[in-house]
Amino acid sequence: MPSALSRSLRRPPSRPPRPGGAGTKGRILDAAEAVFAERGFAGTALRDVAERVGVRTPSLYNHFASKEALYAAVLERAVAPLLALLGDAAAGRGPRDSGQLVAELTALLARRPHLPRLVAHETLAGAERLTPMLERWLAPAFARGLELVAEAPFEAAQRPHLVLAMYHVVAGYFTSTPLYGRLTGDDALGAAALERQTRFLRELVSLLFPGDSAGPRESR
């Protein structure tokens, strides 16, 4: 029987939630998103979130019944805009081509850099809490991805791996920003680095997805 947490994740919001939010509840969600991204669900205690917000732990229960309820709210708020973008692309309402899609994904993740780390923690933990929402929202986008790679020079059985590889290329950049900074001395979330990454992704897409125009390459 699905848990209350699983049921809550199966219900997509009526519109993508806005980052942040007014008042204490918004500050709790902001702090919890950062702490869960740093430590994962198992490694986070409610007192860690309360300390980050600057309130006492019992105050959290005025807004969320449990750590599980807080985590579900954080995941839904963080993931919904990303999956809405992918869902629109799958339905033909989104970006005009795959190059523009990866550019918009990169811009979205730059605004929500905790999201890839949240997903990475949850995936390593078995994705039990994330899977219901991903199955509902991401399946059409994954199908669209398979359509986009239909002309790629890979065997049909390898094309799902190509779609997953593209996810890791896009999201992995943001998961690795601390390492990137230490290795290069550059700010991975700075405007110049993000512009380079977006240009790289668009050129990569133009090579991997020859059946889908990514537009003219930008001059260097």
N, C-alpha and C. Protein backbone atom coordinates (compact mmCIF):
# COMPACT_ATOMS: atom_id res chain seq x y z
N MET A 1 0.86 -1.20 0.00
CA MET A 1 0.00 0.00 0.00
C MET A 1 0.89 1.24 0.00
N PRO A 2 0.64 2.20 -0.91
CA PRO A 2 1.52 3.38 -0.97
C PRO A 2 1.52 4.15 0.33
N SER A 3 2.67 4.65 0.71
CA SER A 3 2.78 5.47 1.92
C SER A 3 2.21 6.85 1.65
N ALA A 4 1.98 7.60 2.75
CA ALA A 4 1.50 8.97 2.59
C ALA A 4 2.49 9.81 1.80
N LEU A 5 3.78 9.54 2.02
CA LEU A 5 4.80 10.28 1.29
C LEU A 5 4.72 9.97 -0.19
N SER A 6 4.60 8.68 -0.56
CA SER A 6 4.50 8.31 -1.96
C SER A 6 3.27 8.93 -2.60
N ARG A 7 2.13 8.92 -1.87
CA ARG A 7 0.91 9.51 -2.43
C ARG A 7 1.08 10.99 -2.67
N SER A 8 1.76 11.68 -1.75
CA SER A 8 1.95 13.12 -1.92
C SER A 8 2.83 13.42 -3.12
N LEU A 9 3.82 12.55 -3.38
CA LEU A 9 4.70 12.77 -4.52
C LEU A 9 4.02 12.44 -5.83
N ARG A 10 2.99 11.60 -5.82
CA ARG A 10 2.29 11.25 -7.04
C ARG A 10 1.40 12.39 -7.53
N ARG A 11 1.10 13.35 -6.68
CA ARG A 11 0.22 14.45 -7.08
C ARG A 11 1.05 15.63 -7.53
N PRO A 12 1.13 15.89 -8.85
CA PRO A 12 1.91 17.05 -9.30
C PRO A 12 1.22 18.33 -8.91
N PRO A 13 1.96 19.39 -8.63
CA PRO A 13 1.34 20.66 -8.28
C PRO A 13 0.61 21.25 -9.47
N SER A 14 -0.39 22.10 -9.22
CA SER A 14 -1.15 22.70 -10.31
C SER A 14 -0.31 23.64 -11.14
N ARG A 15 0.72 24.20 -10.56
CA ARG A 15 1.67 25.04 -11.29
C ARG A 15 3.04 24.89 -10.64
N PRO A 16 4.12 25.11 -11.39
CA PRO A 16 5.45 24.95 -10.78
C PRO A 16 5.62 25.89 -9.60
N PRO A 17 5.99 25.38 -8.43
CA PRO A 17 6.19 26.25 -7.28
C PRO A 17 7.34 27.21 -7.51
N ARG A 18 7.22 28.40 -6.95
CA ARG A 18 8.29 29.37 -7.08
C ARG A 18 9.38 29.09 -6.06
N PRO A 19 10.64 29.34 -6.45
CA PRO A 19 11.71 29.19 -5.46
C PRO A 19 11.47 30.10 -4.28
N GLY A 20 11.88 29.63 -3.11
CA GLY A 20 11.73 30.47 -1.93
C GLY A 20 10.28 30.56 -1.50
N GLY A 21 9.92 31.63 -0.90
CA GLY A 21 8.57 31.81 -0.45
C GLY A 21 8.56 32.78 0.70
N ALA A 22 7.42 33.41 0.91
CA ALA A 22 7.32 34.41 1.97
C ALA A 22 7.15 33.72 3.31
N GLY A 23 7.67 34.35 4.35
CA GLY A 23 7.43 33.89 5.70
C GLY A 23 8.27 32.72 6.12
N THR A 24 7.92 32.21 7.31
CA THR A 24 8.72 31.15 7.91
C THR A 24 8.70 29.87 7.09
N LYS A 25 7.56 29.49 6.52
CA LYS A 25 7.49 28.25 5.75
C LYS A 25 8.45 28.29 4.57
N GLY A 26 8.50 29.42 3.87
CA GLY A 26 9.43 29.54 2.75
C GLY A 26 10.87 29.45 3.20
N ARG A 27 11.19 30.07 4.33
CA ARG A 27 12.57 30.00 4.84
C ARG A 27 12.92 28.58 5.26
N ILE A 28 11.94 27.85 5.81
CA ILE A 28 12.18 26.46 6.17
C ILE A 28 12.47 25.63 4.93
N LEU A 29 11.69 25.82 3.89
CA LEU A 29 11.90 25.06 2.65
C LEU A 29 13.25 25.39 2.03
N ASP A 30 13.63 26.67 2.04
CA ASP A 30 14.94 27.06 1.49
C ASP A 30 16.06 26.38 2.27
N ALA A 31 15.97 26.44 3.60
CA ALA A 31 17.02 25.85 4.43
C ALA A 31 17.05 24.34 4.29
N ALA A 32 15.87 23.71 4.27
CA ALA A 32 15.81 22.26 4.17
C ALA A 32 16.36 21.79 2.82
N GLU A 33 16.07 22.52 1.76
CA GLU A 33 16.60 22.16 0.44
C GLU A 33 18.12 22.15 0.47
N ALA A 34 18.72 23.16 1.08
CA ALA A 34 20.17 23.24 1.15
C ALA A 34 20.76 22.12 2.00
N VAL A 35 20.13 21.85 3.16
CA VAL A 35 20.68 20.83 4.07
C VAL A 35 20.50 19.43 3.49
N PHE A 36 19.32 19.15 2.93
CA PHE A 36 19.12 17.84 2.32
C PHE A 36 20.07 17.64 1.13
N ALA A 37 20.35 18.70 0.38
CA ALA A 37 21.28 18.59 -0.74
C ALA A 37 22.69 18.29 -0.25
N GLU A 38 23.05 18.84 0.89
CA GLU A 38 24.39 18.61 1.45
C GLU A 38 24.53 17.23 2.07
N ARG A 39 23.47 16.76 2.75
CA ARG A 39 23.61 15.57 3.61
C ARG A 39 22.71 14.41 3.24
N GLY A 40 21.74 14.63 2.35
CA GLY A 40 20.78 13.58 2.04
C GLY A 40 19.73 13.45 3.13
N PHE A 41 18.70 12.64 2.85
CA PHE A 41 17.60 12.48 3.81
C PHE A 41 18.09 11.83 5.10
N ALA A 42 18.81 10.71 4.98
CA ALA A 42 19.22 9.97 6.17
C ALA A 42 20.19 10.77 7.03
N GLY A 43 21.01 11.60 6.40
CA GLY A 43 22.02 12.35 7.14
C GLY A 43 21.54 13.66 7.71
N THR A 44 20.27 13.99 7.52
CA THR A 44 19.73 15.26 7.98
C THR A 44 18.78 15.04 9.16
N ALA A 45 18.95 15.83 10.20
CA ALA A 45 18.01 15.85 11.33
C ALA A 45 17.25 17.17 11.28
N LEU A 46 16.04 17.16 11.80
CA LEU A 46 15.24 18.39 11.80
C LEU A 46 15.94 19.52 12.54
N ARG A 47 16.72 19.18 13.55
CA ARG A 47 17.43 20.24 14.27
C ARG A 47 18.44 20.95 13.35
N ASP A 48 18.99 20.20 12.36
CA ASP A 48 19.91 20.82 11.40
C ASP A 48 19.19 21.90 10.59
N VAL A 49 17.97 21.58 10.17
CA VAL A 49 17.17 22.55 9.40
C VAL A 49 16.79 23.72 10.29
N ALA A 50 16.36 23.42 11.52
CA ALA A 50 15.95 24.49 12.44
C ALA A 50 17.11 25.45 12.71
N GLU A 51 18.30 24.91 12.89
CA GLU A 51 19.46 25.76 13.13
C GLU A 51 19.74 26.64 11.92
N ARG A 52 19.59 26.08 10.73
CA ARG A 52 19.85 26.87 9.52
C ARG A 52 18.83 28.01 9.37
N VAL A 53 17.58 27.74 9.77
CA VAL A 53 16.53 28.76 9.69
C VAL A 53 16.68 29.78 10.81
N GLY A 54 17.17 29.32 11.98
CA GLY A 54 17.26 30.20 13.14
C GLY A 54 16.03 30.13 14.02
N VAL A 55 15.39 28.94 14.05
CA VAL A 55 14.23 28.73 14.92
C VAL A 55 14.47 27.48 15.75
N ARG A 56 13.60 27.22 16.71
CA ARG A 56 13.68 26.01 17.51
C ARG A 56 13.02 24.87 16.74
N THR A 57 13.50 23.65 16.96
CA THR A 57 12.99 22.49 16.22
C THR A 57 11.48 22.34 16.31
N PRO A 58 10.84 22.50 17.49
CA PRO A 58 9.37 22.35 17.54
C PRO A 58 8.63 23.30 16.61
N SER A 59 9.25 24.43 16.25
CA SER A 59 8.58 25.37 15.34
C SER A 59 8.35 24.77 13.97
N LEU A 60 9.19 23.82 13.57
CA LEU A 60 9.03 23.20 12.25
C LEU A 60 7.72 22.44 12.16
N TYR A 61 7.28 21.89 13.29
CA TYR A 61 6.05 21.09 13.27
C TYR A 61 4.80 21.95 13.09
N ASN A 62 4.93 23.26 13.20
CA ASN A 62 3.80 24.13 12.89
C ASN A 62 3.52 24.16 11.39
N HIS A 63 4.49 23.73 10.60
CA HIS A 63 4.36 23.79 9.14
C HIS A 63 4.45 22.42 8.47
N PHE A 64 5.18 21.48 9.07
CA PHE A 64 5.36 20.15 8.50
C PHE A 64 5.24 19.12 9.60
N ALA A 65 4.47 18.06 9.34
CA ALA A 65 4.16 17.08 10.38
C ALA A 65 5.35 16.22 10.76
N SER A 66 6.32 16.08 9.86
CA SER A 66 7.44 15.19 10.11
C SER A 66 8.59 15.52 9.17
N LYS A 67 9.72 14.88 9.40
CA LYS A 67 10.84 15.05 8.47
C LYS A 67 10.47 14.55 7.08
N GLU A 68 9.72 13.44 7.04
CA GLU A 68 9.29 12.89 5.75
C GLU A 68 8.42 13.88 4.99
N ALA A 69 7.50 14.56 5.71
CA ALA A 69 6.63 15.53 5.05
C ALA A 69 7.43 16.73 4.55
N LEU A 70 8.41 17.17 5.32
CA LEU A 70 9.26 18.28 4.89
C LEU A 70 10.06 17.88 3.65
N TYR A 71 10.60 16.67 3.65
CA TYR A 71 11.40 16.20 2.52
C TYR A 71 10.54 16.10 1.26
N ALA A 72 9.31 15.59 1.40
CA ALA A 72 8.41 15.50 0.26
C ALA A 72 8.13 16.87 -0.32
N ALA A 73 7.92 17.86 0.55
CA ALA A 73 7.65 19.22 0.08
C ALA A 73 8.86 19.81 -0.62
N VAL A 74 10.06 19.54 -0.08
CA VAL A 74 11.29 20.03 -0.71
C VAL A 74 11.46 19.42 -2.09
N LEU A 75 11.29 18.09 -2.19
CA LEU A 75 11.45 17.42 -3.48
C LEU A 75 10.45 17.93 -4.50
N GLU A 76 9.20 18.05 -4.08
CA GLU A 76 8.17 18.49 -5.03
C GLU A 76 8.45 19.89 -5.53
N ARG A 77 8.80 20.79 -4.61
CA ARG A 77 9.08 22.17 -5.02
C ARG A 77 10.30 22.25 -5.93
N ALA A 78 11.32 21.45 -5.63
CA ALA A 78 12.56 21.52 -6.40
C ALA A 78 12.44 20.87 -7.77
N VAL A 79 11.77 19.71 -7.82
CA VAL A 79 11.75 18.92 -9.04
C VAL A 79 10.65 19.37 -10.01
N ALA A 80 9.54 19.90 -9.49
CA ALA A 80 8.40 20.21 -10.35
C ALA A 80 8.73 21.13 -11.53
N PRO A 81 9.48 22.23 -11.35
CA PRO A 81 9.76 23.08 -12.52
C PRO A 81 10.58 22.36 -13.58
N LEU A 82 11.54 21.52 -13.17
CA LEU A 82 12.35 20.77 -14.11
C LEU A 82 11.49 19.78 -14.89
N LEU A 83 10.67 19.01 -14.18
CA LEU A 83 9.86 18.02 -14.86
C LEU A 83 8.75 18.65 -15.68
N ALA A 84 8.28 19.83 -15.27
CA ALA A 84 7.30 20.54 -16.09
C ALA A 84 7.92 20.95 -17.42
N LEU A 85 9.16 21.42 -17.39
CA LEU A 85 9.85 21.79 -18.63
C LEU A 85 10.01 20.57 -19.53
N LEU A 86 10.43 19.44 -18.96
CA LEU A 86 10.60 18.23 -19.75
C LEU A 86 9.26 17.71 -20.26
N GLY A 87 8.23 17.82 -19.43
CA GLY A 87 6.90 17.39 -19.86
C GLY A 87 6.39 18.22 -21.02
N ASP A 88 6.63 19.53 -20.98
CA ASP A 88 6.22 20.40 -22.09
C ASP A 88 6.98 20.02 -23.36
N ALA A 89 8.26 19.70 -23.21
CA ALA A 89 9.04 19.30 -24.38
C ALA A 89 8.50 18.01 -24.97
N ALA A 90 8.12 17.08 -24.09
CA ALA A 90 7.58 15.81 -24.57
C ALA A 90 6.26 16.00 -25.31
N ALA A 91 5.47 17.00 -24.88
CA ALA A 91 4.17 17.26 -25.49
C ALA A 91 4.26 18.20 -26.69
N GLY A 92 5.45 18.64 -27.03
CA GLY A 92 5.61 19.54 -28.16
C GLY A 92 5.29 20.98 -27.85
N ARG A 93 5.19 21.33 -26.55
CA ARG A 93 4.87 22.71 -26.18
C ARG A 93 6.11 23.47 -25.73
N GLY A 94 7.25 22.79 -25.67
CA GLY A 94 8.43 23.40 -25.10
C GLY A 94 9.37 23.97 -26.12
N PRO A 95 10.67 23.92 -25.86
CA PRO A 95 11.68 24.49 -26.75
C PRO A 95 11.58 23.92 -28.15
N ARG A 96 12.01 24.70 -29.13
CA ARG A 96 11.83 24.33 -30.53
C ARG A 96 12.77 23.21 -30.97
N ASP A 97 13.84 22.96 -30.25
CA ASP A 97 14.76 21.89 -30.62
C ASP A 97 15.52 21.45 -29.37
N SER A 98 16.27 20.35 -29.51
CA SER A 98 16.95 19.78 -28.35
C SER A 98 18.08 20.69 -27.86
N GLY A 99 18.70 21.45 -28.75
CA GLY A 99 19.74 22.38 -28.32
C GLY A 99 19.17 23.45 -27.41
N GLN A 100 18.00 23.98 -27.79
CA GLN A 100 17.36 24.98 -26.94
C GLN A 100 16.89 24.36 -25.63
N LEU A 101 16.47 23.09 -25.69
CA LEU A 101 16.03 22.40 -24.47
C LEU A 101 17.17 22.30 -23.46
N VAL A 102 18.36 21.87 -23.91
CA VAL A 102 19.46 21.74 -22.95
C VAL A 102 19.89 23.11 -22.44
N ALA A 103 19.75 24.15 -23.26
CA ALA A 103 20.07 25.50 -22.80
C ALA A 103 19.10 25.93 -21.69
N GLU A 104 17.82 25.62 -21.87
CA GLU A 104 16.83 25.98 -20.85
C GLU A 104 17.01 25.15 -19.59
N LEU A 105 17.35 23.87 -19.76
CA LEU A 105 17.62 23.04 -18.59
C LEU A 105 18.81 23.57 -17.80
N THR A 106 19.85 23.97 -18.52
CA THR A 106 21.03 24.51 -17.85
C THR A 106 20.69 25.78 -17.09
N ALA A 107 19.90 26.66 -17.71
CA ALA A 107 19.51 27.90 -17.04
C ALA A 107 18.67 27.62 -15.80
N LEU A 108 17.77 26.64 -15.91
CA LEU A 108 16.92 26.30 -14.76
C LEU A 108 17.78 25.76 -13.62
N LEU A 109 18.71 24.86 -13.93
CA LEU A 109 19.55 24.28 -12.89
C LEU A 109 20.50 25.31 -12.29
N ALA A 110 20.89 26.29 -13.08
CA ALA A 110 21.73 27.36 -12.54
C ALA A 110 20.97 28.15 -11.49
N ARG A 111 19.65 28.27 -11.66
CA ARG A 111 18.83 28.97 -10.66
C ARG A 111 18.54 28.08 -9.46
N ARG A 112 18.59 26.77 -9.65
CA ARG A 112 18.29 25.82 -8.56
C ARG A 112 19.42 24.81 -8.44
N PRO A 113 20.64 25.26 -8.08
CA PRO A 113 21.80 24.36 -8.11
C PRO A 113 21.75 23.24 -7.08
N HIS A 114 20.85 23.35 -6.07
CA HIS A 114 20.73 22.25 -5.11
C HIS A 114 20.01 21.05 -5.71
N LEU A 115 19.22 21.27 -6.76
CA LEU A 115 18.37 20.20 -7.29
C LEU A 115 19.15 18.97 -7.73
N PRO A 116 20.21 19.09 -8.55
CA PRO A 116 20.93 17.87 -8.95
C PRO A 116 21.51 17.10 -7.77
N ARG A 117 21.94 17.81 -6.74
CA ARG A 117 22.50 17.12 -5.58
C ARG A 117 21.40 16.43 -4.78
N LEU A 118 20.22 17.05 -4.71
CA LEU A 118 19.08 16.38 -4.08
C LEU A 118 18.76 15.07 -4.79
N VAL A 119 18.68 15.14 -6.13
CA VAL A 119 18.35 13.96 -6.91
C VAL A 119 19.45 12.91 -6.78
N ALA A 120 20.71 13.35 -6.76
CA ALA A 120 21.82 12.41 -6.63
C ALA A 120 21.77 11.67 -5.30
N HIS A 121 21.53 12.41 -4.20
CA HIS A 121 21.41 11.76 -2.89
C HIS A 121 20.27 10.76 -2.89
N GLU A 122 19.13 11.18 -3.44
CA GLU A 122 17.96 10.31 -3.42
C GLU A 122 18.18 9.09 -4.31
N THR A 123 18.83 9.26 -5.44
CA THR A 123 19.10 8.13 -6.33
C THR A 123 20.02 7.12 -5.66
N LEU A 124 21.07 7.60 -5.00
CA LEU A 124 21.99 6.70 -4.31
C LEU A 124 21.31 5.95 -3.16
N ALA A 125 20.26 6.57 -2.61
CA ALA A 125 19.53 5.94 -1.50
C ALA A 125 18.44 5.00 -2.00
N GLY A 126 18.31 4.83 -3.32
CA GLY A 126 17.32 3.92 -3.87
C GLY A 126 16.14 4.60 -4.54
N ALA A 127 16.06 5.93 -4.43
CA ALA A 127 15.02 6.74 -5.12
C ALA A 127 13.60 6.38 -4.69
N GLU A 128 13.43 5.79 -3.51
CA GLU A 128 12.10 5.38 -3.07
C GLU A 128 11.15 6.58 -2.98
N ARG A 129 11.65 7.70 -2.50
CA ARG A 129 10.78 8.85 -2.31
C ARG A 129 10.59 9.65 -3.58
N LEU A 130 11.55 9.54 -4.50
CA LEU A 130 11.50 10.35 -5.72
C LEU A 130 10.84 9.62 -6.87
N THR A 131 10.92 8.30 -6.90
CA THR A 131 10.48 7.53 -8.05
C THR A 131 9.02 7.77 -8.44
N PRO A 132 8.06 7.82 -7.52
CA PRO A 132 6.66 8.01 -7.96
C PRO A 132 6.47 9.28 -8.78
N MET A 133 7.08 10.39 -8.35
CA MET A 133 6.92 11.63 -9.10
C MET A 133 7.66 11.57 -10.42
N LEU A 134 8.84 10.97 -10.43
CA LEU A 134 9.58 10.86 -11.67
C LEU A 134 8.82 10.00 -12.68
N GLU A 135 8.23 8.91 -12.23
CA GLU A 135 7.49 8.04 -13.13
C GLU A 135 6.32 8.78 -13.77
N ARG A 136 5.69 9.63 -12.99
CA ARG A 136 4.51 10.33 -13.51
C ARG A 136 4.89 11.44 -14.47
N TRP A 137 5.93 12.19 -14.15
CA TRP A 137 6.29 13.37 -14.93
C TRP A 137 7.34 13.09 -16.00
N LEU A 138 8.27 12.19 -15.72
CA LEU A 138 9.43 12.07 -16.58
C LEU A 138 9.25 11.07 -17.71
N ALA A 139 8.34 10.11 -17.56
CA ALA A 139 8.17 9.09 -18.59
C ALA A 139 7.89 9.68 -19.98
N PRO A 140 6.98 10.67 -20.11
CA PRO A 140 6.77 11.25 -21.44
C PRO A 140 8.01 11.95 -21.98
N ALA A 141 8.77 12.61 -21.10
CA ALA A 141 9.97 13.30 -21.54
C ALA A 141 11.03 12.29 -21.99
N PHE A 142 11.10 11.16 -21.29
CA PHE A 142 12.05 10.12 -21.69
C PHE A 142 11.67 9.57 -23.07
N ALA A 143 10.38 9.38 -23.30
CA ALA A 143 9.92 8.91 -24.61
C ALA A 143 10.29 9.92 -25.69
N ARG A 144 10.13 11.20 -25.39
CA ARG A 144 10.50 12.24 -26.35
C ARG A 144 12.01 12.20 -26.61
N GLY A 145 12.79 11.97 -25.58
CA GLY A 145 14.23 11.85 -25.76
C GLY A 145 14.59 10.72 -26.70
N LEU A 146 13.88 9.59 -26.58
CA LEU A 146 14.13 8.47 -27.48
C LEU A 146 13.80 8.85 -28.93
N GLU A 147 12.76 9.65 -29.12
CA GLU A 147 12.43 10.11 -30.46
C GLU A 147 13.54 10.99 -31.01
N LEU A 148 14.09 11.85 -30.16
CA LEU A 148 15.12 12.78 -30.61
C LEU A 148 16.41 12.08 -31.02
N VAL A 149 16.68 10.92 -30.41
CA VAL A 149 17.92 10.22 -30.74
C VAL A 149 17.71 9.13 -31.79
N ALA A 150 16.54 9.13 -32.41
CA ALA A 150 16.25 8.08 -33.39
C ALA A 150 17.23 8.09 -34.55
N GLU A 151 17.78 9.27 -34.90
CA GLU A 151 18.71 9.37 -36.01
C GLU A 151 20.17 9.32 -35.57
N ALA A 152 20.39 9.19 -34.29
CA ALA A 152 21.77 9.13 -33.80
C ALA A 152 22.44 7.82 -34.22
N PRO A 153 23.74 7.84 -34.46
CA PRO A 153 24.44 6.66 -34.95
C PRO A 153 24.71 5.64 -33.86
N PHE A 154 23.63 5.15 -33.23
CA PHE A 154 23.73 4.14 -32.20
C PHE A 154 22.69 3.06 -32.48
N GLU A 155 22.95 1.86 -32.00
CA GLU A 155 21.95 0.80 -32.09
C GLU A 155 20.73 1.17 -31.27
N ALA A 156 19.57 0.64 -31.68
CA ALA A 156 18.33 0.98 -30.99
C ALA A 156 18.41 0.65 -29.50
N ALA A 157 19.03 -0.46 -29.16
CA ALA A 157 19.12 -0.86 -27.75
C ALA A 157 19.99 0.07 -26.94
N GLN A 158 20.84 0.85 -27.61
CA GLN A 158 21.74 1.76 -26.90
C GLN A 158 21.13 3.14 -26.70
N ARG A 159 20.03 3.43 -27.38
CA ARG A 159 19.48 4.80 -27.34
C ARG A 159 18.97 5.20 -25.96
N PRO A 160 18.36 4.30 -25.18
CA PRO A 160 18.01 4.71 -23.81
C PRO A 160 19.24 5.12 -23.00
N HIS A 161 20.37 4.44 -23.24
CA HIS A 161 21.60 4.80 -22.54
C HIS A 161 22.07 6.19 -22.96
N LEU A 162 21.84 6.54 -24.23
CA LEU A 162 22.22 7.86 -24.70
C LEU A 162 21.40 8.94 -24.02
N VAL A 163 20.10 8.70 -23.89
CA VAL A 163 19.24 9.68 -23.21
C VAL A 163 19.68 9.85 -21.76
N LEU A 164 19.96 8.74 -21.08
CA LEU A 164 20.41 8.82 -19.69
C LEU A 164 21.77 9.51 -19.59
N ALA A 165 22.63 9.24 -20.58
CA ALA A 165 23.94 9.89 -20.58
C ALA A 165 23.80 11.40 -20.70
N MET A 166 22.86 11.85 -21.53
CA MET A 166 22.65 13.29 -21.67
C MET A 166 22.16 13.90 -20.36
N TYR A 167 21.30 13.16 -19.64
CA TYR A 167 20.88 13.66 -18.32
C TYR A 167 22.09 13.86 -17.42
N HIS A 168 22.97 12.88 -17.41
CA HIS A 168 24.14 12.97 -16.53
C HIS A 168 25.09 14.08 -16.97
N VAL A 169 25.19 14.31 -18.26
CA VAL A 169 26.05 15.40 -18.74
C VAL A 169 25.50 16.75 -18.27
N VAL A 170 24.18 16.92 -18.38
CA VAL A 170 23.57 18.21 -18.00
C VAL A 170 23.57 18.36 -16.48
N ALA A 171 23.03 17.38 -15.77
CA ALA A 171 22.90 17.51 -14.31
C ALA A 171 24.22 17.31 -13.60
N GLY A 172 25.10 16.47 -14.16
CA GLY A 172 26.36 16.17 -13.49
C GLY A 172 27.25 17.39 -13.32
N TYR A 173 27.14 18.34 -14.23
CA TYR A 173 27.92 19.56 -14.11
C TYR A 173 27.61 20.26 -12.79
N PHE A 174 26.32 20.34 -12.45
CA PHE A 174 25.91 21.05 -11.24
C PHE A 174 26.18 20.21 -9.99
N THR A 175 26.09 18.89 -10.11
CA THR A 175 26.44 18.03 -8.99
C THR A 175 27.91 18.18 -8.63
N SER A 176 28.74 18.47 -9.64
CA SER A 176 30.19 18.50 -9.45
C SER A 176 30.76 19.90 -9.27
N THR A 177 29.92 20.90 -9.05
CA THR A 177 30.44 22.27 -8.97
C THR A 177 31.49 22.47 -7.88
N PRO A 178 31.38 21.84 -6.69
CA PRO A 178 32.47 22.03 -5.71
C PRO A 178 33.80 21.49 -6.23
N LEU A 179 33.77 20.31 -6.86
CA LEU A 179 34.99 19.73 -7.41
C LEU A 179 35.53 20.59 -8.55
N TYR A 180 34.63 21.07 -9.40
CA TYR A 180 35.03 21.92 -10.53
C TYR A 180 35.80 23.14 -10.02
N GLY A 181 35.28 23.76 -8.97
CA GLY A 181 35.93 24.95 -8.43
C GLY A 181 37.31 24.67 -7.90
N ARG A 182 37.46 23.52 -7.22
CA ARG A 182 38.77 23.18 -6.67
C ARG A 182 39.78 22.86 -7.77
N LEU A 183 39.33 22.20 -8.83
CA LEU A 183 40.24 21.79 -9.90
C LEU A 183 40.65 22.96 -10.80
N THR A 184 39.73 23.88 -11.04
CA THR A 184 39.98 24.94 -12.02
C THR A 184 40.18 26.32 -11.40
N GLY A 185 39.76 26.48 -10.15
CA GLY A 185 39.80 27.81 -9.55
C GLY A 185 38.75 28.74 -10.09
N ASP A 186 37.82 28.20 -10.87
CA ASP A 186 36.79 29.00 -11.51
C ASP A 186 35.48 28.83 -10.75
N ASP A 187 34.58 29.78 -10.91
CA ASP A 187 33.25 29.69 -10.32
C ASP A 187 32.35 29.00 -11.32
N ALA A 188 32.00 27.74 -11.06
CA ALA A 188 31.20 26.96 -12.01
C ALA A 188 29.82 27.55 -12.23
N LEU A 189 29.33 28.34 -11.28
CA LEU A 189 28.01 28.95 -11.42
C LEU A 189 28.09 30.40 -11.87
N GLY A 190 29.29 30.86 -12.19
CA GLY A 190 29.45 32.21 -12.72
C GLY A 190 28.95 32.30 -14.15
N ALA A 191 28.68 33.51 -14.58
CA ALA A 191 28.08 33.72 -15.91
C ALA A 191 28.97 33.17 -17.02
N ALA A 192 30.28 33.40 -16.94
CA ALA A 192 31.18 32.96 -18.01
C ALA A 192 31.23 31.44 -18.09
N ALA A 193 31.33 30.76 -16.94
CA ALA A 193 31.39 29.30 -16.94
C ALA A 193 30.08 28.70 -17.44
N LEU A 194 28.96 29.27 -17.04
CA LEU A 194 27.67 28.76 -17.49
C LEU A 194 27.49 28.97 -18.98
N GLU A 195 27.98 30.08 -19.50
CA GLU A 195 27.89 30.33 -20.94
C GLU A 195 28.71 29.29 -21.70
N ARG A 196 29.92 28.99 -21.21
CA ARG A 196 30.75 27.97 -21.86
C ARG A 196 30.08 26.60 -21.81
N GLN A 197 29.50 26.27 -20.67
CA GLN A 197 28.85 24.97 -20.53
C GLN A 197 27.66 24.86 -21.46
N THR A 198 26.87 25.92 -21.55
CA THR A 198 25.70 25.91 -22.44
C THR A 198 26.13 25.75 -23.89
N ARG A 199 27.18 26.46 -24.30
CA ARG A 199 27.67 26.35 -25.67
C ARG A 199 28.17 24.94 -25.96
N PHE A 200 28.89 24.37 -24.98
CA PHE A 200 29.37 23.00 -25.14
C PHE A 200 28.21 22.03 -25.31
N LEU A 201 27.17 22.17 -24.48
CA LEU A 201 26.04 21.25 -24.55
C LEU A 201 25.32 21.37 -25.88
N ARG A 202 25.16 22.58 -26.37
CA ARG A 202 24.46 22.75 -27.64
C ARG A 202 25.26 22.13 -28.78
N GLU A 203 26.57 22.26 -28.74
CA GLU A 203 27.38 21.66 -29.79
C GLU A 203 27.37 20.13 -29.67
N LEU A 204 27.39 19.62 -28.44
CA LEU A 204 27.32 18.19 -28.24
C LEU A 204 26.00 17.63 -28.77
N VAL A 205 24.92 18.33 -28.50
CA VAL A 205 23.60 17.90 -28.97
C VAL A 205 23.56 17.89 -30.49
N SER A 206 24.17 18.87 -31.12
CA SER A 206 24.14 18.92 -32.59
C SER A 206 24.87 17.73 -33.20
N LEU A 207 25.85 17.16 -32.47
CA LEU A 207 26.58 15.99 -32.95
C LEU A 207 25.82 14.69 -32.66
N LEU A 208 25.22 14.61 -31.48
CA LEU A 208 24.56 13.37 -31.07
C LEU A 208 23.17 13.21 -31.64
N PHE A 209 22.48 14.34 -31.87
CA PHE A 209 21.10 14.30 -32.34
C PHE A 209 21.02 14.92 -33.73
N PRO A 210 21.57 14.28 -34.75
CA PRO A 210 21.59 14.90 -36.07
C PRO A 210 20.21 15.09 -36.70
N GLY A 211 19.22 14.38 -36.20
CA GLY A 211 17.88 14.52 -36.76
C GLY A 211 17.10 15.68 -36.19
N ASP A 212 17.72 16.40 -35.26
CA ASP A 212 17.01 17.50 -34.59
C ASP A 212 17.91 18.72 -34.63
N SER A 213 17.49 19.77 -35.28
CA SER A 213 18.35 20.95 -35.44
C SER A 213 18.55 21.65 -34.12
N ALA A 214 19.81 21.89 -33.77
CA ALA A 214 20.13 22.66 -32.57
C ALA A 214 20.50 24.08 -32.90
N GLY A 215 20.30 24.45 -34.16
CA GLY A 215 20.59 25.82 -34.55
C GLY A 215 22.04 25.99 -34.90
N PRO A 216 22.42 27.14 -35.44
CA PRO A 216 23.80 27.38 -35.82
C PRO A 216 24.71 27.43 -34.62
N ARG A 217 25.93 26.95 -34.77
CA ARG A 217 26.90 27.01 -33.68
C ARG A 217 27.33 28.43 -33.46
N GLU A 218 27.54 28.75 -32.19
CA GLU A 218 27.95 30.10 -31.85
C GLU A 218 29.44 30.26 -32.11
N SER A 219 29.84 31.42 -32.57
CA SER A 219 31.25 31.68 -32.80
C SER A 219 31.96 31.90 -31.49
N ARG A 220 33.24 31.55 -31.45
CA ARG A 220 34.04 31.72 -30.23
C ARG A 220 34.80 33.03 -30.30
